[in-house]
Amino acid sequence: MLNQSSISGTEVLTMTHDEIARHLGSAREVVTRMLKHFQEEGLVSLFRGGIRIERADGLMKMAEESGV
């Protein structure tokens, strides 16, 4: 998400959970679960057909901690 945000130059990504899952080679259900977790942590806001990154620093920290 952070890479896509950087490329597009905006915090708002107009991608569905299914599109993200296909891009990552994962299941939509897994992406939805992770995005819900990120939303509960205040890192993103979800809306129909998109995601708004609220705290890029928090997402970056989670990525670093997970070794991504």
PDB file of N, CA and C in Angstrom:
ATOM      1  N   MET A   1       0.819  -1.191   0.000  1.00  0.00           N
ATOM      2  CA  MET A   1       0.000   0.000   0.000  1.00  0.00           C
ATOM      3  C   MET A   1       0.863   1.255   0.000  1.00  0.00           C
ATOM      4  N   LEU A   2       1.916   1.224   0.791  1.00  0.00           N
ATOM      5  CA  LEU A   2       2.765   2.411   0.850  1.00  0.00           C
ATOM      6  C   LEU A   2       3.451   2.667  -0.479  1.00  0.00           C
ATOM      7  N   ASN A   3       3.879   1.597  -1.154  1.00  0.00           N
ATOM      8  CA  ASN A   3       4.503   1.773  -2.471  1.00  0.00           C
ATOM      9  C   ASN A   3       3.519   2.364  -3.465  1.00  0.00           C
ATOM     10  N   GLN A   4       2.309   1.840  -3.475  1.00  0.00           N
ATOM     11  CA  GLN A   4       1.288   2.344  -4.397  1.00  0.00           C
ATOM     12  C   GLN A   4       0.956   3.793  -4.080  1.00  0.00           C
ATOM     13  N   SER A   5       0.888   4.127  -2.805  1.00  0.00           N
ATOM     14  CA  SER A   5       0.612   5.497  -2.396  1.00  0.00           C
ATOM     15  C   SER A   5       1.723   6.431  -2.862  1.00  0.00           C
ATOM     16  N   SER A   6       2.948   5.974  -2.732  1.00  0.00           N
ATOM     17  CA  SER A   6       4.097   6.774  -3.164  1.00  0.00           C
ATOM     18  C   SER A   6       4.073   6.992  -4.672  1.00  0.00           C
ATOM     19  N   ILE A   7       3.750   5.947  -5.410  1.00  0.00           N
ATOM     20  CA  ILE A   7       3.695   6.041  -6.873  1.00  0.00           C
ATOM     21  C   ILE A   7       2.609   7.004  -7.314  1.00  0.00           C
ATOM     22  N   SER A   8       1.431   6.887  -6.693  1.00  0.00           N
ATOM     23  CA  SER A   8       0.301   7.721  -7.108  1.00  0.00           C
ATOM     24  C   SER A   8       0.358   9.122  -6.507  1.00  0.00           C
ATOM     25  N   GLY A   9       1.160   9.320  -5.465  1.00  0.00           N
ATOM     26  CA  GLY A   9       1.292  10.634  -4.850  1.00  0.00           C
ATOM     27  C   GLY A   9       0.096  11.044  -4.013  1.00  0.00           C
ATOM     28  N   THR A  10      -0.646  10.072  -3.507  1.00  0.00           N
ATOM     29  CA  THR A  10      -1.811  10.368  -2.685  1.00  0.00           C
ATOM     30  C   THR A  10      -1.968   9.308  -1.604  1.00  0.00           C
ATOM     31  N   GLU A  11      -2.660   9.675  -0.521  1.00  0.00           N
ATOM     32  CA  GLU A  11      -2.922   8.725   0.561  1.00  0.00           C
ATOM     33  C   GLU A  11      -4.152   7.874   0.271  1.00  0.00           C
ATOM     34  N   VAL A  12      -4.885   8.213  -0.781  1.00  0.00           N
ATOM     35  CA  VAL A  12      -6.104   7.493  -1.114  1.00  0.00           C
ATOM     36  C   VAL A  12      -5.822   6.527  -2.257  1.00  0.00           C
ATOM     37  N   LEU A  13      -6.068   5.254  -1.997  1.00  0.00           N
ATOM     38  CA  LEU A  13      -5.875   4.217  -3.003  1.00  0.00           C
ATOM     39  C   LEU A  13      -7.243   3.713  -3.441  1.00  0.00           C
ATOM     40  N   THR A  14      -7.516   3.781  -4.725  1.00  0.00           N
ATOM     41  CA  THR A  14      -8.789   3.289  -5.230  1.00  0.00           C
ATOM     42  C   THR A  14      -8.583   1.891  -5.780  1.00  0.00           C
ATOM     43  N   MET A  15      -8.475   0.959  -4.848  1.00  0.00           N
ATOM     44  CA  MET A  15      -8.295  -0.457  -5.163  1.00  0.00           C
ATOM     45  C   MET A  15      -9.223  -1.251  -4.263  1.00  0.00           C
ATOM     46  N   THR A  16      -9.836  -2.260  -4.808  1.00  0.00           N
ATOM     47  CA  THR A  16     -10.673  -3.132  -3.991  1.00  0.00           C
ATOM     48  C   THR A  16      -9.801  -4.154  -3.271  1.00  0.00           C
ATOM     49  N   HIS A  17     -10.381  -4.797  -2.269  1.00  0.00           N
ATOM     50  CA  HIS A  17      -9.662  -5.838  -1.546  1.00  0.00           C
ATOM     51  C   HIS A  17      -9.263  -6.960  -2.504  1.00  0.00           C
ATOM     52  N   ASP A  18     -10.143  -7.257  -3.446  1.00  0.00           N
ATOM     53  CA  ASP A  18      -9.850  -8.299  -4.423  1.00  0.00           C
ATOM     54  C   ASP A  18      -8.658  -7.924  -5.304  1.00  0.00           C
ATOM     55  N   GLU A  19      -8.599  -6.685  -5.746  1.00  0.00           N
ATOM     56  CA  GLU A  19      -7.469  -6.233  -6.571  1.00  0.00           C
ATOM     57  C   GLU A  19      -6.164  -6.309  -5.797  1.00  0.00           C
ATOM     58  N   ILE A  20      -6.196  -5.915  -4.535  1.00  0.00           N
ATOM     59  CA  ILE A  20      -4.995  -5.991  -3.699  1.00  0.00           C
ATOM     60  C   ILE A  20      -4.568  -7.446  -3.538  1.00  0.00           C
ATOM     61  N   ALA A  21      -5.535  -8.319  -3.277  1.00  0.00           N
ATOM     62  CA  ALA A  21      -5.228  -9.738  -3.095  1.00  0.00           C
ATOM     63  C   ALA A  21      -4.597 -10.334  -4.350  1.00  0.00           C
ATOM     64  N   ARG A  22      -5.161 -10.017  -5.513  1.00  0.00           N
ATOM     65  CA  ARG A  22      -4.588 -10.541  -6.761  1.00  0.00           C
ATOM     66  C   ARG A  22      -3.172 -10.009  -6.969  1.00  0.00           C
ATOM     67  N   HIS A  23      -2.952  -8.747  -6.655  1.00  0.00           N
ATOM     68  CA  HIS A  23      -1.619  -8.140  -6.798  1.00  0.00           C
ATOM     69  C   HIS A  23      -0.602  -8.834  -5.885  1.00  0.00           C
ATOM     70  N   LEU A  24      -1.056  -9.213  -4.686  1.00  0.00           N
ATOM     71  CA  LEU A  24      -0.164  -9.842  -3.715  1.00  0.00           C
ATOM     72  C   LEU A  24      -0.100 -11.356  -3.844  1.00  0.00           C
ATOM     73  N   GLY A  25      -0.999 -11.922  -4.645  1.00  0.00           N
ATOM     74  CA  GLY A  25      -1.062 -13.378  -4.755  1.00  0.00           C
ATOM     75  C   GLY A  25      -1.625 -14.004  -3.495  1.00  0.00           C
ATOM     76  N   SER A  26      -2.613 -13.348  -2.908  1.00  0.00           N
ATOM     77  CA  SER A  26      -3.214 -13.804  -1.664  1.00  0.00           C
ATOM     78  C   SER A  26      -4.717 -13.938  -1.850  1.00  0.00           C
ATOM     79  N   ALA A  27      -5.393 -14.367  -0.803  1.00  0.00           N
ATOM     80  CA  ALA A  27      -6.850 -14.483  -0.838  1.00  0.00           C
ATOM     81  C   ALA A  27      -7.477 -13.165  -0.380  1.00  0.00           C
ATOM     82  N   ARG A  28      -8.607 -12.823  -0.970  1.00  0.00           N
ATOM     83  CA  ARG A  28      -9.304 -11.593  -0.597  1.00  0.00           C
ATOM     84  C   ARG A  28      -9.634 -11.581   0.892  1.00  0.00           C
ATOM     85  N   GLU A  29     -10.003 -12.719   1.433  1.00  0.00           N
ATOM     86  CA  GLU A  29     -10.363 -12.801   2.842  1.00  0.00           C
ATOM     87  C   GLU A  29      -9.191 -12.410   3.745  1.00  0.00           C
ATOM     88  N   VAL A  30      -7.999 -12.819   3.367  1.00  0.00           N
ATOM     89  CA  VAL A  30      -6.801 -12.484   4.142  1.00  0.00           C
ATOM     90  C   VAL A  30      -6.559 -10.978   4.091  1.00  0.00           C
ATOM     91  N   VAL A  31      -6.679 -10.392   2.904  1.00  0.00           N
ATOM     92  CA  VAL A  31      -6.484  -8.948   2.741  1.00  0.00           C
ATOM     93  C   VAL A  31      -7.526  -8.186   3.556  1.00  0.00           C
ATOM     94  N   THR A  32      -8.778  -8.614   3.487  1.00  0.00           N
ATOM     95  CA  THR A  32      -9.842  -7.961   4.238  1.00  0.00           C
ATOM     96  C   THR A  32      -9.566  -8.021   5.737  1.00  0.00           C
ATOM     97  N   ARG A  33      -9.123  -9.159   6.224  1.00  0.00           N
ATOM     98  CA  ARG A  33      -8.806  -9.322   7.642  1.00  0.00           C
ATOM     99  C   ARG A  33      -7.676  -8.378   8.062  1.00  0.00           C
ATOM    100  N   MET A  34      -6.631  -8.309   7.248  1.00  0.00           N
ATOM    101  CA  MET A  34      -5.500  -7.438   7.581  1.00  0.00           C
ATOM    102  C   MET A  34      -5.897  -5.961   7.532  1.00  0.00           C
ATOM    103  N   LEU A  35      -6.681  -5.585   6.514  1.00  0.00           N
ATOM    104  CA  LEU A  35      -7.113  -4.193   6.418  1.00  0.00           C
ATOM    105  C   LEU A  35      -8.001  -3.808   7.598  1.00  0.00           C
ATOM    106  N   LYS A  36      -8.846  -4.732   8.035  1.00  0.00           N
ATOM    107  CA  LYS A  36      -9.689  -4.467   9.200  1.00  0.00           C
ATOM    108  C   LYS A  36      -8.817  -4.252  10.434  1.00  0.00           C
ATOM    109  N   HIS A  37      -7.778  -5.072  10.575  1.00  0.00           N
ATOM    110  CA  HIS A  37      -6.835  -4.905  11.689  1.00  0.00           C
ATOM    111  C   HIS A  37      -6.156  -3.534  11.605  1.00  0.00           C
ATOM    112  N   PHE A  38      -5.695  -3.166  10.415  1.00  0.00           N
ATOM    113  CA  PHE A  38      -5.060  -1.854  10.237  1.00  0.00           C
ATOM    114  C   PHE A  38      -6.029  -0.726  10.577  1.00  0.00           C
ATOM    115  N   GLN A  39      -7.290  -0.902  10.214  1.00  0.00           N
ATOM    116  CA  GLN A  39      -8.295   0.119  10.520  1.00  0.00           C
ATOM    117  C   GLN A  39      -8.496   0.225  12.033  1.00  0.00           C
ATOM    118  N   GLU A  40      -8.564  -0.902  12.720  1.00  0.00           N
ATOM    119  CA  GLU A  40      -8.725  -0.893  14.179  1.00  0.00           C
ATOM    120  C   GLU A  40      -7.551  -0.213  14.865  1.00  0.00           C
ATOM    121  N   GLU A  41      -6.368  -0.299  14.270  1.00  0.00           N
ATOM    122  CA  GLU A  41      -5.168   0.344  14.808  1.00  0.00           C
ATOM    123  C   GLU A  41      -5.089   1.823  14.427  1.00  0.00           C
ATOM    124  N   GLY A  42      -6.015   2.293  13.609  1.00  0.00           N
ATOM    125  CA  GLY A  42      -6.021   3.690  13.184  1.00  0.00           C
ATOM    126  C   GLY A  42      -5.040   4.006  12.073  1.00  0.00           C
ATOM    127  N   LEU A  43      -4.564   2.971  11.387  1.00  0.00           N
ATOM    128  CA  LEU A  43      -3.569   3.161  10.339  1.00  0.00           C
ATOM    129  C   LEU A  43      -4.198   3.501   8.995  1.00  0.00           C
ATOM    130  N   VAL A  44      -5.394   2.981   8.743  1.00  0.00           N
ATOM    131  CA  VAL A  44      -6.093   3.228   7.483  1.00  0.00           C
ATOM    132  C   VAL A  44      -7.575   3.467   7.766  1.00  0.00           C
ATOM    133  N   SER A  45      -8.241   4.072   6.800  1.00  0.00           N
ATOM    134  CA  SER A  45      -9.700   4.166   6.770  1.00  0.00           C
ATOM    135  C   SER A  45     -10.149   3.438   5.519  1.00  0.00           C
ATOM    136  N   LEU A  46     -11.204   2.666   5.654  1.00  0.00           N
ATOM    137  CA  LEU A  46     -11.707   1.895   4.524  1.00  0.00           C
ATOM    138  C   LEU A  46     -13.005   2.502   4.026  1.00  0.00           C
ATOM    139  N   PHE A  47     -13.177   2.517   2.735  1.00  0.00           N
ATOM    140  CA  PHE A  47     -14.424   2.940   2.121  1.00  0.00           C
ATOM    141  C   PHE A  47     -14.643   2.073   0.894  1.00  0.00           C
ATOM    142  N   ARG A  48     -15.847   2.079   0.400  1.00  0.00           N
ATOM    143  CA  ARG A  48     -16.177   1.217  -0.743  1.00  0.00           C
ATOM    144  C   ARG A  48     -15.252   1.532  -1.928  1.00  0.00           C
ATOM    145  N   GLY A  49     -14.487   0.542  -2.353  1.00  0.00           N
ATOM    146  CA  GLY A  49     -13.603   0.687  -3.500  1.00  0.00           C
ATOM    147  C   GLY A  49     -12.290   1.380  -3.208  1.00  0.00           C
ATOM    148  N   GLY A  50     -11.953   1.558  -1.917  1.00  0.00           N
ATOM    149  CA  GLY A  50     -10.695   2.217  -1.648  1.00  0.00           C
ATOM    150  C   GLY A  50     -10.247   2.209  -0.204  1.00  0.00           C
ATOM    151  N   ILE A  51      -9.067   2.755  -0.023  1.00  0.00           N
ATOM    152  CA  ILE A  51      -8.404   2.809   1.278  1.00  0.00           C
ATOM    153  C   ILE A  51      -7.726   4.168   1.397  1.00  0.00           C
ATOM    154  N   ARG A  52      -7.830   4.774   2.562  1.00  0.00           N
ATOM    155  CA  ARG A  52      -7.092   6.005   2.846  1.00  0.00           C
ATOM    156  C   ARG A  52      -6.039   5.668   3.904  1.00  0.00           C
ATOM    157  N   ILE A  53      -4.796   5.962   3.602  1.00  0.00           N
ATOM    158  CA  ILE A  53      -3.719   5.749   4.566  1.00  0.00           C
ATOM    159  C   ILE A  53      -3.743   6.918   5.539  1.00  0.00           C
ATOM    160  N   GLU A  54      -3.969   6.610   6.810  1.00  0.00           N
ATOM    161  CA  GLU A  54      -4.037   7.634   7.846  1.00  0.00           C
ATOM    162  C   GLU A  54      -2.684   7.832   8.533  1.00  0.00           C
ATOM    163  N   ARG A  55      -1.963   6.732   8.747  1.00  0.00           N
ATOM    164  CA  ARG A  55      -0.680   6.806   9.441  1.00  0.00           C
ATOM    165  C   ARG A  55       0.357   5.951   8.713  1.00  0.00           C
ATOM    166  N   ALA A  56       0.997   6.547   7.714  1.00  0.00           N
ATOM    167  CA  ALA A  56       2.016   5.826   6.948  1.00  0.00           C
ATOM    168  C   ALA A  56       3.158   5.377   7.846  1.00  0.00           C
ATOM    169  N   ASP A  57       3.502   6.185   8.840  1.00  0.00           N
ATOM    170  CA  ASP A  57       4.584   5.825   9.752  1.00  0.00           C
ATOM    171  C   ASP A  57       4.264   4.544  10.516  1.00  0.00           C
ATOM    172  N   GLY A  58       3.021   4.378  10.923  1.00  0.00           N
ATOM    173  CA  GLY A  58       2.600   3.168  11.620  1.00  0.00           C
ATOM    174  C   GLY A  58       2.644   1.946  10.725  1.00  0.00           C
ATOM    175  N   LEU A  59       2.223   2.103   9.466  1.00  0.00           N
ATOM    176  CA  LEU A  59       2.297   0.998   8.526  1.00  0.00           C
ATOM    177  C   LEU A  59       3.744   0.619   8.256  1.00  0.00           C
ATOM    178  N   MET A  60       4.604   1.607   8.128  1.00  0.00           N
ATOM    179  CA  MET A  60       6.022   1.351   7.880  1.00  0.00           C
ATOM    180  C   MET A  60       6.637   0.598   9.063  1.00  0.00           C
ATOM    181  N   LYS A  61       6.274   1.008  10.262  1.00  0.00           N
ATOM    182  CA  LYS A  61       6.802   0.337  11.459  1.00  0.00           C
ATOM    183  C   LYS A  61       6.356  -1.123  11.490  1.00  0.00           C
ATOM    184  N   MET A  62       5.085  -1.377  11.175  1.00  0.00           N
ATOM    185  CA  MET A  62       4.588  -2.761  11.152  1.00  0.00           C
ATOM    186  C   MET A  62       5.323  -3.580  10.105  1.00  0.00           C
ATOM    187  N   ALA A  63       5.593  -2.989   8.945  1.00  0.00           N
ATOM    188  CA  ALA A  63       6.306  -3.697   7.879  1.00  0.00           C
ATOM    189  C   ALA A  63       7.736  -4.031   8.324  1.00  0.00           C
ATOM    190  N   GLU A  64       8.383  -3.082   8.964  1.00  0.00           N
ATOM    191  CA  GLU A  64       9.754  -3.305   9.433  1.00  0.00           C
ATOM    192  C   GLU A  64       9.798  -4.405  10.493  1.00  0.00           C
ATOM    193  N   GLU A  65       8.832  -4.386  11.403  1.00  0.00           N
ATOM    194  CA  GLU A  65       8.788  -5.383  12.464  1.00  0.00           C
ATOM    195  C   GLU A  65       8.512  -6.783  11.932  1.00  0.00           C
ATOM    196  N   SER A  66       7.768  -6.863  10.833  1.00  0.00           N
ATOM    197  CA  SER A  66       7.433  -8.170  10.265  1.00  0.00           C
ATOM    198  C   SER A  66       8.494  -8.650   9.264  1.00  0.00           C
ATOM    199  N   GLY A  67       9.445  -7.782   8.957  1.00  0.00           N
ATOM    200  CA  GLY A  67      10.505  -8.160   8.020  1.00  0.00           C
ATOM    201  C   GLY A  67      10.135  -8.040   6.565  1.00  0.00           C
ATOM    202  N   VAL A  68       9.069  -7.301   6.283  1.00  0.00           N
ATOM    203  CA  VAL A  68       8.618  -7.125   4.883  1.00  0.00           C
ATOM    204  C   VAL A  68       9.431  -6.060   4.218  1.00  0.00           C
TER     205      VAL A  68
END
